[in-house]
Amino acid sequence: MLRWTIIFIVIAIIAGVLGFGGIAGTSAGIAKIFFFIFLILFVFSLLKGLIKK
């Protein structure tokens, strides 16, 4: 999940540099969504690991 976040951030940066504002904004938005999903899954797996022990 974190890999997809990094990919979309790179796409957003490249699109922003080249002047494609719409694509950059969309890619940044998708990257934010993936990042928050990653954080939620990460916290969930940490809590699951702590409860198992």
PDB file of N, CA and C in Angstrom:
ATOM      1  N   MET A   1       0.821  -1.181   0.000  1.00  0.00           N
ATOM      2  CA  MET A   1       0.000   0.000   0.000  1.00  0.00           C
ATOM      3  C   MET A   1       0.872   1.254   0.000  1.00  0.00           C
ATOM      4  N   LEU A   2       1.928   1.210   0.788  1.00  0.00           N
ATOM      5  CA  LEU A   2       2.822   2.353   0.834  1.00  0.00           C
ATOM      6  C   LEU A   2       3.514   2.547  -0.511  1.00  0.00           C
ATOM      7  N   ARG A   3       3.750   1.459  -1.206  1.00  0.00           N
ATOM      8  CA  ARG A   3       4.379   1.548  -2.531  1.00  0.00           C
ATOM      9  C   ARG A   3       3.491   2.324  -3.503  1.00  0.00           C
ATOM     10  N   TRP A   4       2.171   2.062  -3.474  1.00  0.00           N
ATOM     11  CA  TRP A   4       1.252   2.785  -4.354  1.00  0.00           C
ATOM     12  C   TRP A   4       1.212   4.268  -4.006  1.00  0.00           C
ATOM     13  N   THR A   5       1.289   4.580  -2.709  1.00  0.00           N
ATOM     14  CA  THR A   5       1.311   5.976  -2.289  1.00  0.00           C
ATOM     15  C   THR A   5       2.510   6.696  -2.874  1.00  0.00           C
ATOM     16  N   ILE A   6       3.666   6.067  -2.792  1.00  0.00           N
ATOM     17  CA  ILE A   6       4.882   6.678  -3.324  1.00  0.00           C
ATOM     18  C   ILE A   6       4.793   6.836  -4.838  1.00  0.00           C
ATOM     19  N   ILE A   7       4.242   5.841  -5.527  1.00  0.00           N
ATOM     20  CA  ILE A   7       4.099   5.921  -6.981  1.00  0.00           C
ATOM     21  C   ILE A   7       3.217   7.104  -7.366  1.00  0.00           C
ATOM     22  N   PHE A   8       2.081   7.276  -6.694  1.00  0.00           N
ATOM     23  CA  PHE A   8       1.180   8.368  -7.039  1.00  0.00           C
ATOM     24  C   PHE A   8       1.763   9.725  -6.659  1.00  0.00           C
ATOM     25  N   ILE A   9       2.548   9.790  -5.598  1.00  0.00           N
ATOM     26  CA  ILE A   9       3.203  11.054  -5.256  1.00  0.00           C
ATOM     27  C   ILE A   9       4.210  11.430  -6.335  1.00  0.00           C
ATOM     28  N   VAL A  10       4.966  10.463  -6.817  1.00  0.00           N
ATOM     29  CA  VAL A  10       5.931  10.731  -7.890  1.00  0.00           C
ATOM     30  C   VAL A  10       5.204  11.175  -9.154  1.00  0.00           C
ATOM     31  N   ILE A  11       4.103  10.522  -9.489  1.00  0.00           N
ATOM     32  CA  ILE A  11       3.313  10.924 -10.656  1.00  0.00           C
ATOM     33  C   ILE A  11       2.805  12.354 -10.486  1.00  0.00           C
ATOM     34  N   ALA A  12       2.344  12.685  -9.286  1.00  0.00           N
ATOM     35  CA  ALA A  12       1.850  14.034  -9.025  1.00  0.00           C
ATOM     36  C   ALA A  12       2.958  15.069  -9.170  1.00  0.00           C
ATOM     37  N   ILE A  13       4.142  14.758  -8.673  1.00  0.00           N
ATOM     38  CA  ILE A  13       5.262  15.700  -8.773  1.00  0.00           C
ATOM     39  C   ILE A  13       5.663  15.899 -10.234  1.00  0.00           C
ATOM     40  N   ILE A  14       5.776  14.813 -10.974  1.00  0.00           N
ATOM     41  CA  ILE A  14       6.162  14.919 -12.382  1.00  0.00           C
ATOM     42  C   ILE A  14       5.096  15.681 -13.171  1.00  0.00           C
ATOM     43  N   ALA A  15       3.839  15.364 -12.940  1.00  0.00           N
ATOM     44  CA  ALA A  15       2.757  16.055 -13.650  1.00  0.00           C
ATOM     45  C   ALA A  15       2.719  17.535 -13.283  1.00  0.00           C
ATOM     46  N   GLY A  16       2.987  17.852 -12.021  1.00  0.00           N
ATOM     47  CA  GLY A  16       3.019  19.250 -11.600  1.00  0.00           C
ATOM     48  C   GLY A  16       4.142  20.023 -12.256  1.00  0.00           C
ATOM     49  N   VAL A  17       5.303  19.404 -12.365  1.00  0.00           N
ATOM     50  CA  VAL A  17       6.454  20.050 -13.008  1.00  0.00           C
ATOM     51  C   VAL A  17       6.178  20.278 -14.492  1.00  0.00           C
ATOM     52  N   LEU A  18       5.519  19.327 -15.125  1.00  0.00           N
ATOM     53  CA  LEU A  18       5.233  19.452 -16.554  1.00  0.00           C
ATOM     54  C   LEU A  18       4.019  20.330 -16.851  1.00  0.00           C
ATOM     55  N   GLY A  19       3.316  20.770 -15.828  1.00  0.00           N
ATOM     56  CA  GLY A  19       2.201  21.687 -16.015  1.00  0.00           C
ATOM     57  C   GLY A  19       0.837  21.043 -16.149  1.00  0.00           C
ATOM     58  N   PHE A  20       0.719  19.787 -15.838  1.00  0.00           N
ATOM     59  CA  PHE A  20      -0.576  19.110 -15.895  1.00  0.00           C
ATOM     60  C   PHE A  20      -1.225  19.190 -14.509  1.00  0.00           C
ATOM     61  N   GLY A  21      -1.866  20.291 -14.227  1.00  0.00           N
ATOM     62  CA  GLY A  21      -2.426  20.536 -12.896  1.00  0.00           C
ATOM     63  C   GLY A  21      -3.519  19.567 -12.501  1.00  0.00           C
ATOM     64  N   GLY A  22      -4.390  19.219 -13.441  1.00  0.00           N
ATOM     65  CA  GLY A  22      -5.492  18.308 -13.126  1.00  0.00           C
ATOM     66  C   GLY A  22      -5.002  16.914 -12.766  1.00  0.00           C
ATOM     67  N   ILE A  23      -4.059  16.432 -13.540  1.00  0.00           N
ATOM     68  CA  ILE A  23      -3.500  15.101 -13.270  1.00  0.00           C
ATOM     69  C   ILE A  23      -2.722  15.119 -11.963  1.00  0.00           C
ATOM     70  N   ALA A  24      -1.988  16.200 -11.717  1.00  0.00           N
ATOM     71  CA  ALA A  24      -1.209  16.302 -10.476  1.00  0.00           C
ATOM     72  C   ALA A  24      -2.130  16.311  -9.259  1.00  0.00           C
ATOM     73  N   GLY A  25      -3.208  17.065  -9.345  1.00  0.00           N
ATOM     74  CA  GLY A  25      -4.152  17.123  -8.232  1.00  0.00           C
ATOM     75  C   GLY A  25      -4.828  15.789  -7.974  1.00  0.00           C
ATOM     76  N   THR A  26      -5.212  15.121  -9.051  1.00  0.00           N
ATOM     77  CA  THR A  26      -5.854  13.815  -8.918  1.00  0.00           C
ATOM     78  C   THR A  26      -4.894  12.788  -8.334  1.00  0.00           C
ATOM     79  N   SER A  27      -3.660  12.781  -8.823  1.00  0.00           N
ATOM     80  CA  SER A  27      -2.668  11.831  -8.309  1.00  0.00           C
ATOM     81  C   SER A  27      -2.360  12.095  -6.839  1.00  0.00           C
ATOM     82  N   ALA A  28      -2.279  13.358  -6.466  1.00  0.00           N
ATOM     83  CA  ALA A  28      -2.032  13.691  -5.065  1.00  0.00           C
ATOM     84  C   ALA A  28      -3.203  13.248  -4.189  1.00  0.00           C
ATOM     85  N   GLY A  29      -4.414  13.415  -4.678  1.00  0.00           N
ATOM     86  CA  GLY A  29      -5.588  12.966  -3.930  1.00  0.00           C
ATOM     87  C   GLY A  29      -5.610  11.461  -3.744  1.00  0.00           C
ATOM     88  N   ILE A  30      -5.290  10.730  -4.798  1.00  0.00           N
ATOM     89  CA  ILE A  30      -5.234   9.272  -4.705  1.00  0.00           C
ATOM     90  C   ILE A  30      -4.129   8.852  -3.744  1.00  0.00           C
ATOM     91  N   ALA A  31      -2.989   9.544  -3.788  1.00  0.00           N
ATOM     92  CA  ALA A  31      -1.888   9.223  -2.881  1.00  0.00           C
ATOM     93  C   ALA A  31      -2.304   9.437  -1.424  1.00  0.00           C
ATOM     94  N   LYS A  32      -3.059  10.492  -1.159  1.00  0.00           N
ATOM     95  CA  LYS A  32      -3.538  10.740   0.207  1.00  0.00           C
ATOM     96  C   LYS A  32      -4.449   9.616   0.676  1.00  0.00           C
ATOM     97  N   ILE A  33      -5.356   9.186  -0.196  1.00  0.00           N
ATOM     98  CA  ILE A  33      -6.285   8.113   0.155  1.00  0.00           C
ATOM     99  C   ILE A  33      -5.523   6.836   0.472  1.00  0.00           C
ATOM    100  N   PHE A  34      -4.572   6.471  -0.411  1.00  0.00           N
ATOM    101  CA  PHE A  34      -3.784   5.261  -0.175  1.00  0.00           C
ATOM    102  C   PHE A  34      -2.971   5.371   1.106  1.00  0.00           C
ATOM    103  N   PHE A  35      -2.447   6.557   1.388  1.00  0.00           N
ATOM    104  CA  PHE A  35      -1.645   6.731   2.595  1.00  0.00           C
ATOM    105  C   PHE A  35      -2.485   6.518   3.846  1.00  0.00           C
ATOM    106  N   PHE A  36      -3.692   7.066   3.867  1.00  0.00           N
ATOM    107  CA  PHE A  36      -4.537   6.894   5.049  1.00  0.00           C
ATOM    108  C   PHE A  36      -5.010   5.444   5.191  1.00  0.00           C
ATOM    109  N   ILE A  37      -5.280   4.781   4.075  1.00  0.00           N
ATOM    110  CA  ILE A  37      -5.626   3.361   4.147  1.00  0.00           C
ATOM    111  C   ILE A  37      -4.452   2.573   4.706  1.00  0.00           C
ATOM    112  N   PHE A  38      -3.232   2.903   4.242  1.00  0.00           N
ATOM    113  CA  PHE A  38      -2.040   2.249   4.753  1.00  0.00           C
ATOM    114  C   PHE A  38      -1.899   2.467   6.256  1.00  0.00           C
ATOM    115  N   LEU A  39      -2.108   3.701   6.722  1.00  0.00           N
ATOM    116  CA  LEU A  39      -1.994   3.983   8.159  1.00  0.00           C
ATOM    117  C   LEU A  39      -3.006   3.186   8.970  1.00  0.00           C
ATOM    118  N   ILE A  40      -4.238   3.123   8.485  1.00  0.00           N
ATOM    119  CA  ILE A  40      -5.277   2.385   9.206  1.00  0.00           C
ATOM    120  C   ILE A  40      -4.919   0.900   9.283  1.00  0.00           C
ATOM    121  N   LEU A  41      -4.482   0.327   8.156  1.00  0.00           N
ATOM    122  CA  LEU A  41      -4.106  -1.084   8.163  1.00  0.00           C
ATOM    123  C   LEU A  41      -2.882  -1.344   9.030  1.00  0.00           C
ATOM    124  N   PHE A  42      -1.938  -0.409   9.048  1.00  0.00           N
ATOM    125  CA  PHE A  42      -0.746  -0.545   9.869  1.00  0.00           C
ATOM    126  C   PHE A  42      -1.094  -0.541  11.353  1.00  0.00           C
ATOM    127  N   VAL A  43      -1.918   0.395  11.771  1.00  0.00           N
ATOM    128  CA  VAL A  43      -2.336   0.469  13.175  1.00  0.00           C
ATOM    129  C   VAL A  43      -3.130  -0.776  13.546  1.00  0.00           C
ATOM    130  N   PHE A  44      -3.999  -1.222  12.650  1.00  0.00           N
ATOM    131  CA  PHE A  44      -4.777  -2.428  12.906  1.00  0.00           C
ATOM    132  C   PHE A  44      -3.869  -3.641  13.102  1.00  0.00           C
ATOM    133  N   SER A  45      -2.862  -3.766  12.251  1.00  0.00           N
ATOM    134  CA  SER A  45      -1.968  -4.922  12.383  1.00  0.00           C
ATOM    135  C   SER A  45      -1.111  -4.821  13.645  1.00  0.00           C
ATOM    136  N   LEU A  46      -0.737  -3.621  14.038  1.00  0.00           N
ATOM    137  CA  LEU A  46      -0.002  -3.457  15.297  1.00  0.00           C
ATOM    138  C   LEU A  46      -0.858  -3.876  16.489  1.00  0.00           C
ATOM    139  N   LEU A  47      -2.099  -3.413  16.507  1.00  0.00           N
ATOM    140  CA  LEU A  47      -2.987  -3.776  17.608  1.00  0.00           C
ATOM    141  C   LEU A  47      -3.257  -5.278  17.624  1.00  0.00           C
ATOM    142  N   LYS A  48      -3.435  -5.863  16.454  1.00  0.00           N
ATOM    143  CA  LYS A  48      -3.659  -7.300  16.370  1.00  0.00           C
ATOM    144  C   LYS A  48      -2.456  -8.071  16.893  1.00  0.00           C
ATOM    145  N   GLY A  49      -1.264  -7.609  16.587  1.00  0.00           N
ATOM    146  CA  GLY A  49      -0.050  -8.255  17.062  1.00  0.00           C
ATOM    147  C   GLY A  49       0.114  -8.126  18.570  1.00  0.00           C
ATOM    148  N   LEU A  50      -0.283  -6.983  19.118  1.00  0.00           N
ATOM    149  CA  LEU A  50      -0.168  -6.784  20.566  1.00  0.00           C
ATOM    150  C   LEU A  50      -1.179  -7.634  21.318  1.00  0.00           C
ATOM    151  N   ILE A  51      -2.354  -7.802  20.752  1.00  0.00           N
ATOM    152  CA  ILE A  51      -3.395  -8.582  21.424  1.00  0.00           C
ATOM    153  C   ILE A  51      -3.053 -10.062  21.408  1.00  0.00           C
ATOM    154  N   LYS A  52      -2.400 -10.547  20.341  1.00  0.00           N
ATOM    155  CA  LYS A  52      -2.039 -11.968  20.243  1.00  0.00           C
ATOM    156  C   LYS A  52      -1.055 -12.396  21.304  1.00  0.00           C
ATOM    157  N   LYS A  53      -0.152 -11.517  21.684  1.00  0.00           N
ATOM    158  CA  LYS A  53       0.915 -11.897  22.636  1.00  0.00           C
ATOM    159  C   LYS A  53       0.454 -11.903  24.042  1.00  0.00           C
TER     160      LYS A  53
END
